[in-house]
Each structure stands twice: as structure tokens, then as C-alpha cells.
PDB file of N, CA and C in Angstrom:
ATOM      1  N   MET A   1      10.172  -2.485  11.095  1.00  0.00           N
ATOM      2  CA  MET A   1       9.528  -2.758   9.828  1.00  0.00           C
ATOM      3  C   MET A   1       8.241  -1.939   9.743  1.00  0.00           C
ATOM      4  N   THR A   2       7.911  -1.515   8.519  1.00  0.00           N
ATOM      5  CA  THR A   2       6.827  -0.554   8.362  1.00  0.00           C
ATOM      6  C   THR A   2       5.986  -0.850   7.127  1.00  0.00           C
ATOM      7  N   VAL A   3       4.700  -0.515   7.226  1.00  0.00           N
ATOM      8  CA  VAL A   3       3.790  -0.490   6.079  1.00  0.00           C
ATOM      9  C   VAL A   3       3.528   0.975   5.774  1.00  0.00           C
ATOM     10  N   TYR A   4       3.509   1.311   4.485  1.00  0.00           N
ATOM     11  CA  TYR A   4       3.332   2.695   4.040  1.00  0.00           C
ATOM     12  C   TYR A   4       2.100   2.804   3.148  1.00  0.00           C
ATOM     13  N   VAL A   5       1.378   3.910   3.267  1.00  0.00           N
ATOM     14  CA  VAL A   5       0.317   4.272   2.332  1.00  0.00           C
ATOM     15  C   VAL A   5       0.626   5.680   1.831  1.00  0.00           C
ATOM     16  N   ASP A   6       0.334   5.929   0.562  1.00  0.00           N
ATOM     17  CA  ASP A   6       0.674   7.253   0.024  1.00  0.00           C
ATOM     18  C   ASP A   6      -0.557   8.129  -0.173  1.00  0.00           C
ATOM     19  N   ASP A   7      -0.302   9.344  -0.618  1.00  0.00           N
ATOM     20  CA  ASP A   7      -1.354  10.345  -0.786  1.00  0.00           C
ATOM     21  C   ASP A   7      -1.905  10.403  -2.210  1.00  0.00           C
ATOM     22  N   MET A   8      -1.572   9.405  -3.038  1.00  0.00           N
ATOM     23  CA  MET A   8      -2.097   9.373  -4.399  1.00  0.00           C
ATOM     24  C   MET A   8      -3.621   9.282  -4.353  1.00  0.00           C
ATOM     25  N   ARG A   9      -4.272   9.896  -5.319  1.00  0.00           N
ATOM     26  CA  ARG A   9      -5.730   9.842  -5.440  1.00  0.00           C
ATOM     27  C   ARG A   9      -6.065   9.570  -6.904  1.00  0.00           C
ATOM     28  N   ALA A  10      -6.011   8.292  -7.291  1.00  0.00           N
ATOM     29  CA  ALA A  10      -6.253   7.904  -8.678  1.00  0.00           C
ATOM     30  C   ALA A  10      -7.655   7.304  -8.802  1.00  0.00           C
ATOM     31  N   PRO A  11      -8.468   7.836  -9.706  1.00  0.00           N
ATOM     32  CA  PRO A  11      -9.797   7.269  -9.883  1.00  0.00           C
ATOM     33  C   PRO A  11      -9.731   5.884 -10.524  1.00  0.00           C
ATOM     34  N   PHE A  12     -10.571   4.973 -10.030  1.00  0.00           N
ATOM     35  CA  PHE A  12     -10.719   3.636 -10.594  1.00  0.00           C
ATOM     36  C   PHE A  12     -12.184   3.263 -10.442  1.00  0.00           C
ATOM     37  N   GLY A  13     -12.928   3.370 -11.532  1.00  0.00           N
ATOM     38  CA  GLY A  13     -14.372   3.184 -11.433  1.00  0.00           C
ATOM     39  C   GLY A  13     -14.954   4.251 -10.528  1.00  0.00           C
ATOM     40  N   GLN A  14     -15.693   3.809  -9.521  1.00  0.00           N
ATOM     41  CA  GLN A  14     -16.281   4.753  -8.572  1.00  0.00           C
ATOM     42  C   GLN A  14     -15.423   4.936  -7.322  1.00  0.00           C
ATOM     43  N   MET A  15     -14.238   4.350  -7.329  1.00  0.00           N
ATOM     44  CA  MET A  15     -13.347   4.447  -6.159  1.00  0.00           C
ATOM     45  C   MET A  15     -12.186   5.392  -6.443  1.00  0.00           C
ATOM     46  N   ILE A  16     -11.588   5.851  -5.374  1.00  0.00           N
ATOM     47  CA  ILE A  16     -10.329   6.599  -5.437  1.00  0.00           C
ATOM     48  C   ILE A  16      -9.286   5.703  -4.784  1.00  0.00           C
ATOM     49  N   MET A  17      -8.153   5.514  -5.463  1.00  0.00           N
ATOM     50  CA  MET A  17      -7.149   4.561  -5.012  1.00  0.00           C
ATOM     51  C   MET A  17      -5.848   5.246  -4.606  1.00  0.00           C
ATOM     52  N   CYS A  18      -5.098   4.551  -3.757  1.00  0.00           N
ATOM     53  CA  CYS A  18      -3.751   4.953  -3.380  1.00  0.00           C
ATOM     54  C   CYS A  18      -2.892   3.689  -3.340  1.00  0.00           C
ATOM     55  N   HIS A  19      -1.628   3.829  -2.984  1.00  0.00           N
ATOM     56  CA  HIS A  19      -0.709   2.696  -2.909  1.00  0.00           C
ATOM     57  C   HIS A  19      -0.463   2.288  -1.465  1.00  0.00           C
ATOM     58  N   MET A  20      -0.226   0.985  -1.270  1.00  0.00           N
ATOM     59  CA  MET A  20       0.221   0.469   0.022  1.00  0.00           C
ATOM     60  C   MET A  20       1.420  -0.437  -0.239  1.00  0.00           C
ATOM     61  N   ALA A  21       2.521  -0.177   0.448  1.00  0.00           N
ATOM     62  CA  ALA A  21       3.749  -0.962   0.314  1.00  0.00           C
ATOM     63  C   ALA A  21       4.303  -1.209   1.713  1.00  0.00           C
ATOM     64  N   ALA A  22       5.311  -2.076   1.804  1.00  0.00           N
ATOM     65  CA  ALA A  22       5.883  -2.388   3.122  1.00  0.00           C
ATOM     66  C   ALA A  22       7.344  -2.771   2.979  1.00  0.00           C
ATOM     67  N   ASP A  23       8.034  -2.778   4.110  1.00  0.00           N
ATOM     68  CA  ASP A  23       9.439  -3.164   4.135  1.00  0.00           C
ATOM     69  C   ASP A  23       9.629  -4.617   3.717  1.00  0.00           C
ATOM     70  N   THR A  24       8.648  -5.473   4.041  1.00  0.00           N
ATOM     71  CA  THR A  24       8.745  -6.883   3.668  1.00  0.00           C
ATOM     72  C   THR A  24       7.426  -7.355   3.062  1.00  0.00           C
ATOM     73  N   THR A  25       7.513  -8.399   2.257  1.00  0.00           N
ATOM     74  CA  THR A  25       6.310  -8.998   1.671  1.00  0.00           C
ATOM     75  C   THR A  25       5.392  -9.505   2.776  1.00  0.00           C
ATOM     76  N   GLU A  26       5.960 -10.100   3.798  1.00  0.00           N
ATOM     77  CA  GLU A  26       5.163 -10.646   4.896  1.00  0.00           C
ATOM     78  C   GLU A  26       4.328  -9.552   5.561  1.00  0.00           C
ATOM     79  N   GLU A  27       4.952  -8.412   5.818  1.00  0.00           N
ATOM     80  CA  GLU A  27       4.220  -7.293   6.425  1.00  0.00           C
ATOM     81  C   GLU A  27       3.113  -6.795   5.512  1.00  0.00           C
ATOM     82  N   LEU A  28       3.413  -6.701   4.230  1.00  0.00           N
ATOM     83  CA  LEU A  28       2.441  -6.217   3.261  1.00  0.00           C
ATOM     84  C   LEU A  28       1.222  -7.135   3.216  1.00  0.00           C
ATOM     85  N   LEU A  29       1.470  -8.437   3.156  1.00  0.00           N
ATOM     86  CA  LEU A  29       0.368  -9.399   3.092  1.00  0.00           C
ATOM     87  C   LEU A  29      -0.411  -9.454   4.401  1.00  0.00           C
ATOM     88  N   GLU A  30       0.286  -9.303   5.516  1.00  0.00           N
ATOM     89  CA  GLU A  30      -0.390  -9.278   6.813  1.00  0.00           C
ATOM     90  C   GLU A  30      -1.335  -8.086   6.903  1.00  0.00           C
ATOM     91  N   MET A  31      -0.875  -6.913   6.447  1.00  0.00           N
ATOM     92  CA  MET A  31      -1.740  -5.730   6.479  1.00  0.00           C
ATOM     93  C   MET A  31      -2.911  -5.908   5.517  1.00  0.00           C
ATOM     94  N   ALA A  32      -2.657  -6.472   4.349  1.00  0.00           N
ATOM     95  CA  ALA A  32      -3.750  -6.718   3.398  1.00  0.00           C
ATOM     96  C   ALA A  32      -4.833  -7.571   4.064  1.00  0.00           C
ATOM     97  N   ASP A  33      -4.421  -8.615   4.774  1.00  0.00           N
ATOM     98  CA  ASP A  33      -5.386  -9.470   5.473  1.00  0.00           C
ATOM     99  C   ASP A  33      -6.145  -8.680   6.537  1.00  0.00           C
ATOM    100  N   LYS A  34      -5.446  -7.847   7.288  1.00  0.00           N
ATOM    101  CA  LYS A  34      -6.075  -7.064   8.363  1.00  0.00           C
ATOM    102  C   LYS A  34      -7.144  -6.122   7.839  1.00  0.00           C
ATOM    103  N   ILE A  35      -6.890  -5.534   6.659  1.00  0.00           N
ATOM    104  CA  ILE A  35      -7.823  -4.518   6.159  1.00  0.00           C
ATOM    105  C   ILE A  35      -8.799  -5.072   5.117  1.00  0.00           C
ATOM    106  N   GLY A  36      -8.723  -6.377   4.856  1.00  0.00           N
ATOM    107  CA  GLY A  36      -9.694  -7.004   3.963  1.00  0.00           C
ATOM    108  C   GLY A  36      -9.393  -6.865   2.487  1.00  0.00           C
ATOM    109  N   VAL A  37      -8.117  -6.802   2.121  1.00  0.00           N
ATOM    110  CA  VAL A  37      -7.716  -6.759   0.714  1.00  0.00           C
ATOM    111  C   VAL A  37      -7.219  -8.147   0.336  1.00  0.00           C
ATOM    112  N   GLN A  38      -7.761  -8.707  -0.730  1.00  0.00           N
ATOM    113  CA  GLN A  38      -7.361 -10.043  -1.146  1.00  0.00           C
ATOM    114  C   GLN A  38      -5.918 -10.042  -1.642  1.00  0.00           C
ATOM    115  N   GLN A  39      -5.157 -11.040  -1.208  1.00  0.00           N
ATOM    116  CA  GLN A  39      -3.748 -11.117  -1.571  1.00  0.00           C
ATOM    117  C   GLN A  39      -3.534 -11.261  -3.072  1.00  0.00           C
ATOM    118  N   LYS A  40      -4.511 -11.746  -3.794  1.00  0.00           N
ATOM    119  CA  LYS A  40      -4.352 -11.912  -5.242  1.00  0.00           C
ATOM    120  C   LYS A  40      -4.211 -10.574  -5.970  1.00  0.00           C
ATOM    121  N   TRP A  41      -4.528  -9.475  -5.301  1.00  0.00           N
ATOM    122  CA  TRP A  41      -4.444  -8.158  -5.941  1.00  0.00           C
ATOM    123  C   TRP A  41      -3.069  -7.509  -5.791  1.00  0.00           C
ATOM    124  N   ILE A  42      -2.109  -8.209  -5.218  1.00  0.00           N
ATOM    125  CA  ILE A  42      -0.760  -7.661  -5.095  1.00  0.00           C
ATOM    126  C   ILE A  42      -0.201  -7.364  -6.486  1.00  0.00           C
ATOM    127  N   GLN A  43       0.546  -6.287  -6.604  1.00  0.00           N
ATOM    128  CA  GLN A  43       1.120  -5.882  -7.890  1.00  0.00           C
ATOM    129  C   GLN A  43       2.645  -5.906  -7.802  1.00  0.00           C
ATOM    130  N   LYS A  44       3.255  -6.292  -8.901  1.00  0.00           N
ATOM    131  CA  LYS A  44       4.722  -6.345  -9.029  1.00  0.00           C
ATOM    132  C   LYS A  44       5.360  -7.187  -7.919  1.00  0.00           C
ATOM    133  N   GLN A  45       4.698  -8.297  -7.584  1.00  0.00           N
ATOM    134  CA  GLN A  45       5.157  -9.167  -6.505  1.00  0.00           C
ATOM    135  C   GLN A  45       6.584  -9.644  -6.740  1.00  0.00           C
ATOM    136  N   GLY A  46       7.368  -9.607  -5.677  1.00  0.00           N
ATOM    137  CA  GLY A  46       8.741 -10.078  -5.737  1.00  0.00           C
ATOM    138  C   GLY A  46       9.738  -9.064  -6.262  1.00  0.00           C
ATOM    139  N   THR A  47       9.270  -7.840  -6.539  1.00  0.00           N
ATOM    140  CA  THR A  47      10.168  -6.786  -7.005  1.00  0.00           C
ATOM    141  C   THR A  47      10.232  -5.681  -5.949  1.00  0.00           C
ATOM    142  N   LYS A  48      11.137  -4.741  -6.139  1.00  0.00           N
ATOM    143  CA  LYS A  48      11.216  -3.625  -5.191  1.00  0.00           C
ATOM    144  C   LYS A  48      10.008  -2.695  -5.294  1.00  0.00           C
ATOM    145  N   TYR A  49       9.196  -2.874  -6.339  1.00  0.00           N
ATOM    146  CA  TYR A  49       7.987  -2.058  -6.525  1.00  0.00           C
ATOM    147  C   TYR A  49       6.711  -2.772  -6.074  1.00  0.00           C
ATOM    148  N   GLU A  50       6.842  -3.841  -5.303  1.00  0.00           N
ATOM    149  CA  GLU A  50       5.709  -4.626  -4.814  1.00  0.00           C
ATOM    150  C   GLU A  50       4.772  -3.727  -4.012  1.00  0.00           C
ATOM    151  N   HIS A  51       3.474  -3.796  -4.327  1.00  0.00           N
ATOM    152  CA  HIS A  51       2.506  -2.959  -3.626  1.00  0.00           C
ATOM    153  C   HIS A  51       1.088  -3.431  -3.910  1.00  0.00           C
ATOM    154  N   PHE A  52       0.139  -2.825  -3.226  1.00  0.00           N
ATOM    155  CA  PHE A  52      -1.282  -2.960  -3.515  1.00  0.00           C
ATOM    156  C   PHE A  52      -1.807  -1.580  -3.882  1.00  0.00           C
ATOM    157  N   ASP A  53      -2.761  -1.536  -4.771  1.00  0.00           N
ATOM    158  CA  ASP A  53      -3.584  -0.347  -4.951  1.00  0.00           C
ATOM    159  C   ASP A  53      -4.791  -0.571  -4.050  1.00  0.00           C
ATOM    160  N   ILE A  54      -5.054   0.374  -3.158  1.00  0.00           N
ATOM    161  CA  ILE A  54      -6.160   0.216  -2.215  1.00  0.00           C
ATOM    162  C   ILE A  54      -7.061   1.458  -2.250  1.00  0.00           C
ATOM    163  N   SER A  55      -8.323   1.259  -1.875  1.00  0.00           N
ATOM    164  CA  SER A  55      -9.275   2.372  -1.831  1.00  0.00           C
ATOM    165  C   SER A  55      -8.976   3.262  -0.621  1.00  0.00           C
ATOM    166  N   LEU A  56      -9.531   4.454  -0.647  1.00  0.00           N
ATOM    167  CA  LEU A  56      -9.304   5.379   0.472  1.00  0.00           C
ATOM    168  C   LEU A  56      -9.861   4.826   1.779  1.00  0.00           C
ATOM    169  N   GLY A  57     -10.950   4.059   1.713  1.00  0.00           N
ATOM    170  CA  GLY A  57     -11.495   3.430   2.917  1.00  0.00           C
ATOM    171  C   GLY A  57     -10.515   2.421   3.504  1.00  0.00           C
ATOM    172  N   LYS A  58      -9.891   1.630   2.641  1.00  0.00           N
ATOM    173  CA  LYS A  58      -8.888   0.664   3.101  1.00  0.00           C
ATOM    174  C   LYS A  58      -7.640   1.383   3.610  1.00  0.00           C
ATOM    175  N   LYS A  59      -7.335   2.524   2.995  1.00  0.00           N
ATOM    176  CA  LYS A  59      -6.199   3.342   3.458  1.00  0.00           C
ATOM    177  C   LYS A  59      -6.412   3.754   4.907  1.00  0.00           C
ATOM    178  N   GLU A  60      -7.611   4.206   5.232  1.00  0.00           N
ATOM    179  CA  GLU A  60      -7.907   4.615   6.612  1.00  0.00           C
ATOM    180  C   GLU A  60      -7.776   3.439   7.565  1.00  0.00           C
ATOM    181  N   LEU A  61      -8.244   2.254   7.143  1.00  0.00           N
ATOM    182  CA  LEU A  61      -8.087   1.056   7.968  1.00  0.00           C
ATOM    183  C   LEU A  61      -6.607   0.728   8.177  1.00  0.00           C
ATOM    184  N   ALA A  62      -5.815   0.866   7.114  1.00  0.00           N
ATOM    185  CA  ALA A  62      -4.376   0.593   7.219  1.00  0.00           C
ATOM    186  C   ALA A  62      -3.719   1.547   8.217  1.00  0.00           C
ATOM    187  N   ILE A  63      -4.067   2.823   8.142  1.00  0.00           N
ATOM    188  CA  ILE A  63      -3.514   3.808   9.077  1.00  0.00           C
ATOM    189  C   ILE A  63      -3.930   3.465  10.508  1.00  0.00           C
ATOM    190  N   GLN A  64      -5.184   3.071  10.710  1.00  0.00           N
ATOM    191  CA  GLN A  64      -5.660   2.675  12.037  1.00  0.00           C
ATOM    192  C   GLN A  64      -4.892   1.456  12.565  1.00  0.00           C
ATOM    193  N   ASN A  65      -4.381   0.646  11.639  1.00  0.00           N
ATOM    194  CA  ASN A  65      -3.627  -0.557  12.007  1.00  0.00           C
ATOM    195  C   ASN A  65      -2.117  -0.338  11.980  1.00  0.00           C
ATOM    196  N   GLY A  66      -1.678   0.934  11.937  1.00  0.00           N
ATOM    197  CA  GLY A  66      -0.263   1.250  12.093  1.00  0.00           C
ATOM    198  C   GLY A  66       0.497   1.647  10.845  1.00  0.00           C
ATOM    199  N   ALA A  67      -0.158   1.700   9.679  1.00  0.00           N
ATOM    200  CA  ALA A  67       0.544   2.130   8.464  1.00  0.00           C
ATOM    201  C   ALA A  67       0.932   3.606   8.581  1.00  0.00           C
ATOM    202  N   VAL A  68       2.006   3.957   7.922  1.00  0.00           N
ATOM    203  CA  VAL A  68       2.533   5.321   7.953  1.00  0.00           C
ATOM    204  C   VAL A  68       2.157   6.025   6.652  1.00  0.00           C
ATOM    205  N   LEU A  69       1.601   7.224   6.771  1.00  0.00           N
ATOM    206  CA  LEU A  69       1.234   8.023   5.605  1.00  0.00           C
ATOM    207  C   LEU A  69       2.457   8.749   5.067  1.00  0.00           C
ATOM    208  N   VAL A  70       2.719   8.595   3.768  1.00  0.00           N
ATOM    209  CA  VAL A  70       3.824   9.272   3.092  1.00  0.00           C
ATOM    210  C   VAL A  70       3.294   9.879   1.797  1.00  0.00           C
ATOM    211  N   THR A  71       4.073  10.765   1.208  1.00  0.00           N
ATOM    212  CA  THR A  71       3.682  11.293  -0.090  1.00  0.00           C
ATOM    213  C   THR A  71       3.985  10.249  -1.164  1.00  0.00           C
ATOM    214  N   ARG A  72       3.352  10.402  -2.303  1.00  0.00           N
ATOM    215  CA  ARG A  72       3.629   9.485  -3.412  1.00  0.00           C
ATOM    216  C   ARG A  72       5.102   9.583  -3.810  1.00  0.00           C
ATOM    217  N   LYS A  73       5.615  10.784  -3.812  1.00  0.00           N
ATOM    218  CA  LYS A  73       7.013  11.011  -4.166  1.00  0.00           C
ATOM    219  C   LYS A  73       7.947  10.285  -3.191  1.00  0.00           C
ATOM    220  N   GLU A  74       7.645  10.369  -1.902  1.00  0.00           N
ATOM    221  CA  GLU A  74       8.456   9.676  -0.895  1.00  0.00           C
ATOM    222  C   GLU A  74       8.397   8.161  -1.080  1.00  0.00           C
ATOM    223  N   LEU A  75       7.205   7.644  -1.392  1.00  0.00           N
ATOM    224  CA  LEU A  75       7.054   6.203  -1.571  1.00  0.00           C
ATOM    225  C   LEU A  75       7.848   5.708  -2.780  1.00  0.00           C
ATOM    226  N   VAL A  76       7.771   6.421  -3.876  1.00  0.00           N
ATOM    227  CA  VAL A  76       8.514   6.027  -5.080  1.00  0.00           C
ATOM    228  C   VAL A  76      10.015   6.081  -4.807  1.00  0.00           C
ATOM    229  N   LYS A  77      10.476   7.124  -4.126  1.00  0.00           N
ATOM    230  CA  LYS A  77      11.898   7.238  -3.796  1.00  0.00           C
ATOM    231  C   LYS A  77      12.332   6.069  -2.921  1.00  0.00           C
ATOM    232  N   TRP A  78      11.531   5.725  -1.909  1.00  0.00           N
ATOM    233  CA  TRP A  78      11.827   4.604  -1.020  1.00  0.00           C
ATOM    234  C   TRP A  78      11.896   3.301  -1.818  1.00  0.00           C
ATOM    235  N   MET A  79      10.946   3.104  -2.741  1.00  0.00           N
ATOM    236  CA  MET A  79      10.934   1.882  -3.547  1.00  0.00           C
ATOM    237  C   MET A  79      12.192   1.774  -4.400  1.00  0.00           C
ATOM    238  N   ARG A  80      12.597   2.859  -4.994  1.00  0.00           N
ATOM    239  CA  ARG A  80      13.785   2.834  -5.866  1.00  0.00           C
ATOM    240  C   ARG A  80      15.062   2.509  -5.094  1.00  0.00           C
ATOM    241  N   LEU A  81      15.098   2.896  -3.822  1.00  0.00           N
ATOM    242  CA  LEU A  81      16.302   2.681  -3.009  1.00  0.00           C
ATOM    243  C   LEU A  81      16.335   1.306  -2.340  1.00  0.00           C
ATOM    244  N   ARG A  82      15.242   0.563  -2.395  1.00  0.00           N
ATOM    245  CA  ARG A  82      15.186  -0.757  -1.744  1.00  0.00           C
ATOM    246  C   ARG A  82      16.191  -1.713  -2.319  1.00  0.00           C
TER     247      ARG A  82
END
């Protein structure tokens, strides 16, 4: 089982955001807790497109905690095939 972060760089206020998704909801929520992202910010919960938008700082924390870096294109393709 894996958590993924992508290479998207979308501005949101003063932050730059990317996506974080996982093979399971449990893994996704566990990683959110590890990196300090509130679970209430989950998007599209319960669908194959379930994910968090996270800042680049949180992305680095996720990678340090075992998340795999993928391209945005790879992440979208993976989500569609789930």
C-alpha cells in the first residue's frame, strides 16, 4: 500500500499546493495525521478521486514519511484506474 504526492504547483493564497492520495482511505488519513493536515480537509472522500491538497512543506514531510513522488499525470491516471 502506498501514499502518493504529485508534482503539481497550484497557487493558493501565499502557498503552493500539490495533491496527496493513497491506495486506501486509512493510509491517506494516517499520513495526514503524521504530517499535520487536518482530516476535515479531505476532498472527494469515498470516491476514486479522494485526496488532500497539501502545501509543498507538507509534501516534503509526506516524502520523509514514505510517500512516493509521482507526476500529476501519473496520479490522475492511477485515480481513474482505481
